[in-house]
Protein backbone atom coordinates (compact mmCIF):
# COMPACT_ATOMS: atom_id res chain seq x y z
CA UNK A 1 44.75 -37.90 -29.34
CA UNK A 2 47.49 -40.07 -27.77
CA UNK A 3 44.83 -41.88 -25.78
CA UNK A 4 42.88 -42.51 -28.99
CA UNK A 5 45.90 -44.18 -30.67
CA UNK A 6 46.54 -46.33 -27.58
CA UNK A 7 42.92 -47.45 -27.64
CA UNK A 8 43.18 -48.26 -31.36
CA UNK A 9 46.30 -50.35 -30.79
CA UNK A 10 44.69 -52.18 -27.87
CA UNK A 11 41.43 -52.69 -29.72
CA UNK A 12 42.96 -54.09 -32.95
CA UNK A 13 45.17 -56.45 -30.92
CA UNK A 14 42.25 -57.86 -28.95
CA UNK A 15 39.88 -58.32 -31.88
CA UNK A 16 42.52 -58.87 -34.62
CA UNK A 17 41.37 -56.26 -37.12
CA UNK A 18 43.13 -53.68 -39.27
CA UNK A 19 44.24 -50.34 -37.84
CA UNK A 20 41.97 -48.40 -40.20
CA UNK A 21 38.90 -50.36 -39.24
CA UNK A 22 39.64 -50.10 -35.53
CA UNK A 23 40.29 -46.38 -35.92
CA UNK A 24 36.93 -45.70 -37.58
CA UNK A 25 35.03 -47.79 -35.04
CA UNK A 26 36.59 -45.93 -32.12
CA UNK A 27 36.14 -42.61 -33.89
CA UNK A 28 32.44 -43.39 -34.24
CA UNK A 29 32.11 -44.00 -30.49
CA UNK A 30 34.04 -40.81 -29.65
CA UNK A 31 31.83 -38.82 -32.04
CA UNK A 32 28.72 -40.37 -30.53
CA UNK A 33 29.94 -39.44 -27.04
CA UNK A 34 30.36 -35.81 -28.12
CA UNK A 35 26.85 -35.81 -29.54
CA UNK A 36 25.49 -36.96 -26.18
CA UNK A 37 27.45 -34.23 -24.42
CA UNK A 38 25.97 -31.65 -26.80
CA UNK A 39 22.47 -33.04 -26.28
CA UNK A 40 22.85 -32.85 -22.50
CA UNK A 41 23.88 -29.19 -22.75
CA UNK A 42 20.98 -28.50 -25.12
CA UNK A 43 18.47 -30.23 -22.85
CA UNK A 44 19.70 -28.32 -19.80
CA UNK A 45 19.46 -25.02 -21.72
CA UNK A 46 15.97 -25.89 -22.93
CA UNK A 47 14.84 -26.72 -19.38
CA UNK A 48 16.08 -23.34 -18.15
CA UNK A 49 14.33 -21.61 -21.07
CA UNK A 50 11.10 -23.49 -20.33
CA UNK A 51 11.31 -22.44 -16.68
CA UNK A 52 11.61 -18.78 -17.76
CA UNK A 53 8.73 -19.21 -20.21
CA UNK A 54 6.52 -20.63 -17.47
CA UNK A 55 7.51 -17.83 -15.09
CA UNK A 56 6.58 -15.22 -17.71
CA UNK A 57 3.31 -17.01 -18.48
CA UNK A 58 2.49 -17.21 -14.77
CA UNK A 59 3.14 -13.47 -14.39
CA UNK A 60 0.89 -12.75 -17.38
CA UNK A 61 -1.85 -14.78 -15.68
CA UNK A 62 -2.19 -12.12 -12.99
CA UNK A 63 -5.36 -10.07 -13.43
CA UNK A 64 -5.01 -6.29 -13.33
CA UNK A 65 -7.45 -3.37 -13.53
CA UNK A 66 -6.82 -1.18 -16.57
CA UNK A 67 -6.38 2.46 -15.61
CA UNK A 68 -5.14 5.72 -17.02
CA UNK A 69 -2.58 7.64 -15.03
CA UNK A 70 -2.59 11.36 -15.70
CA UNK A 71 -0.08 14.05 -14.88
CA UNK A 72 0.32 17.71 -15.75
CA UNK A 73 3.42 19.89 -15.94
CA UNK A 74 3.80 23.39 -17.40
CA UNK A 75 0.13 23.27 -18.42
CA UNK A 76 0.69 20.13 -20.52
CA UNK A 77 -1.68 17.30 -19.61
CA UNK A 78 -0.69 13.73 -20.45
CA UNK A 79 -2.26 10.33 -19.80
CA UNK A 80 -0.91 6.79 -20.13
CA UNK A 81 -2.37 3.31 -19.72
CA UNK A 82 -1.26 1.49 -16.57
CA UNK A 83 -2.19 -1.97 -15.33
CA UNK A 84 0.46 -2.38 -12.64
CA UNK A 85 -1.48 -0.64 -9.90
CA UNK A 86 -2.83 -1.77 -6.55
CA UNK A 87 -4.17 -0.51 -3.23
CA UNK A 88 -1.68 -0.87 -0.37
CA UNK A 89 -3.48 0.89 2.49
CA UNK A 90 -7.05 1.65 3.53
CA UNK A 91 -6.47 4.28 6.20
CA UNK A 92 -5.18 6.46 4.71
CA UNK A 93 -6.18 5.19 1.28
CA UNK A 94 -2.97 4.70 -0.69
CA UNK A 95 -2.21 3.27 -4.12
CA UNK A 96 1.05 2.24 -5.72
CA UNK A 97 1.71 2.51 -9.45
CA UNK A 98 4.68 1.16 -11.39
CA UNK A 99 5.98 3.44 -14.15
CA UNK A 100 8.91 2.82 -16.48
CA UNK A 101 11.60 5.47 -16.03
CA UNK A 102 11.69 6.14 -19.78
CA UNK A 103 8.02 7.15 -19.90
CA UNK A 104 7.07 10.77 -20.41
CA UNK A 105 4.59 10.58 -17.53
CA UNK A 106 7.32 9.35 -15.15
CA UNK A 107 9.18 12.66 -15.20
CA UNK A 108 5.96 14.64 -14.88
CA UNK A 109 4.99 12.78 -11.71
CA UNK A 110 8.51 13.06 -10.30
CA UNK A 111 8.54 16.82 -10.84
CA UNK A 112 5.03 17.65 -9.63
CA UNK A 113 4.50 15.02 -6.91
CA UNK A 114 0.92 14.27 -7.94
CA UNK A 115 -1.09 12.20 -10.40
CA UNK A 116 -4.61 11.13 -11.32
CA UNK A 117 -5.81 7.52 -11.54
CA UNK A 118 -8.82 7.02 -13.81
CA UNK A 119 -10.25 3.48 -13.78
CA UNK A 120 -11.42 2.56 -17.27
CA UNK A 121 -14.68 0.85 -18.12
CA UNK A 122 -15.17 -1.99 -20.60
CA UNK A 123 -16.40 0.58 -23.14
CA UNK A 124 -13.02 2.35 -23.27
CA UNK A 125 -10.77 -0.24 -24.93
CA UNK A 126 -9.75 2.13 -27.73
CA UNK A 127 -8.61 4.69 -25.17
CA UNK A 128 -6.58 2.04 -23.34
CA UNK A 129 -4.97 0.82 -26.58
CA UNK A 130 -4.01 4.29 -27.85
CA UNK A 131 -2.77 5.61 -24.51
CA UNK A 132 -0.73 2.45 -23.98
CA UNK A 133 1.04 2.59 -27.34
CA UNK A 134 1.79 6.28 -28.01
CA UNK A 135 3.97 8.74 -26.16
CA UNK A 136 2.74 12.09 -24.94
CA UNK A 137 6.04 13.54 -26.15
CA UNK A 138 4.80 13.19 -29.72
CA UNK A 139 1.01 13.44 -29.59
CA UNK A 140 -1.73 15.02 -27.50
CA UNK A 141 -3.71 11.87 -26.71
CA UNK A 142 -6.53 13.73 -24.98
CA UNK A 143 -7.24 15.85 -28.06
CA UNK A 144 -6.77 12.96 -30.45
CA UNK A 145 -9.25 10.75 -28.57
CA UNK A 146 -11.57 13.68 -27.76
CA UNK A 147 -11.63 12.77 -24.08
CA UNK A 148 -13.74 15.07 -21.93
CA UNK A 149 -11.95 16.33 -18.83
CA UNK A 150 -13.45 17.52 -15.55
CA UNK A 151 -11.74 19.92 -13.10
CA UNK A 152 -10.22 18.22 -10.07
CA UNK A 153 -10.68 19.44 -6.51
CA UNK A 154 -7.23 19.11 -4.89
CA UNK A 155 -4.53 18.28 -7.46
CA UNK A 156 -3.95 20.15 -10.72
CA UNK A 157 -4.43 17.07 -12.91
CA UNK A 158 -7.99 17.03 -14.39
CA UNK A 159 -10.34 14.08 -13.98
CA UNK A 160 -11.57 12.14 -17.02
CA UNK A 161 -15.28 11.82 -17.80
CA UNK A 162 -16.89 8.44 -18.49
CA UNK A 163 -14.61 6.38 -16.24
CA UNK A 164 -15.57 4.02 -13.43
CA UNK A 165 -13.81 6.31 -10.98
CA UNK A 166 -11.19 9.05 -10.68
CA UNK A 167 -8.76 9.27 -7.77
CA UNK A 168 -6.61 12.32 -7.13
CA UNK A 169 -3.27 11.29 -5.62
CA UNK A 170 -0.40 13.03 -3.87
CA UNK A 171 2.96 11.23 -3.96
CA UNK A 172 4.05 10.30 -0.42
CA UNK A 173 6.92 7.96 -1.35
CA UNK A 174 8.73 6.51 -4.33
CA UNK A 175 11.02 3.52 -4.69
CA UNK A 176 13.26 2.26 -7.52
CA UNK A 177 12.34 -1.17 -8.90
CA UNK A 178 14.57 -2.31 -11.75
CA UNK A 179 14.00 0.06 -14.64
CA UNK A 180 10.81 1.36 -13.06
CA UNK A 181 9.72 3.55 -10.17
CA UNK A 182 7.02 2.66 -7.67
CA UNK A 183 5.05 5.80 -6.84
CA UNK A 184 2.99 5.60 -3.66
CA UNK A 185 0.08 7.99 -3.87
CA UNK A 186 -2.32 8.98 -1.12
CA UNK A 187 -5.84 9.50 -2.43
CA UNK A 188 -6.93 13.02 -1.45
CA UNK A 189 -10.16 13.23 -3.48
CA UNK A 190 -12.25 11.02 -5.77
CA UNK A 191 -15.42 10.58 -7.77
CA UNK A 192 -17.38 7.58 -9.04
CA UNK A 193 -18.99 7.09 -12.46
CA UNK A 194 -22.29 5.54 -13.46
CA UNK A 195 -23.32 2.36 -11.63
CA UNK A 196 -24.03 0.41 -14.83
CA UNK A 197 -20.43 0.65 -16.07
CA UNK A 198 -18.39 -2.56 -16.08
CA UNK A 199 -14.65 -2.69 -15.38
CA UNK A 200 -11.96 -3.55 -17.90
CA UNK A 201 -9.13 -5.87 -16.88
CA UNK A 202 -5.86 -7.03 -18.39
CA UNK A 203 -5.25 -10.77 -18.63
CA UNK A 204 -2.32 -12.31 -20.50
CA UNK A 205 -1.63 -9.09 -22.35
CA UNK A 206 -5.22 -8.54 -23.53
CA UNK A 207 -7.88 -6.04 -22.52
CA UNK A 208 -10.98 -7.90 -21.35
CA UNK A 209 -14.30 -6.41 -20.37
């Protein structure tokens, strides 16, 4: 504030104008300077936000197979839709799935050490949508969707009929990853569906097939 009054005094002396007029002119320039400071902060924030938006969009551009992961505990069978799944080894054949720690299926896999991966076909979008949006704590998704199950050969979790393939997995390792757990499963048995079935994938949050 003291600096502002000194500038006013200097300015009115040099250009021979009234104190009020000099004050308002300098006040305008100070105000304009603050606006530019605000705009610089806003632009920097927007650039950071755009970077995060592009990162999220890039991540959503990854293409994933759409699968159901099944688990069974105390005779209760539950399935959930999973797209974050990939093969990590060929010999032995191992898969890794990423499951949120809050999911009902997460605790079932942790307790039993086994799970089933059923790869969905393009004809099973309704199953993917329902199993990806409802919790097994509140509803029996298998009964609701009238999904036919087939006895497995090694694990207790049943296979699902009509899928591209079913893979019975035993958990050999698990790792924390943020709010999720990465379960590494070794495939101990499997079956394959009809040859004319086409796969379903997830791309930018949509089921495509």
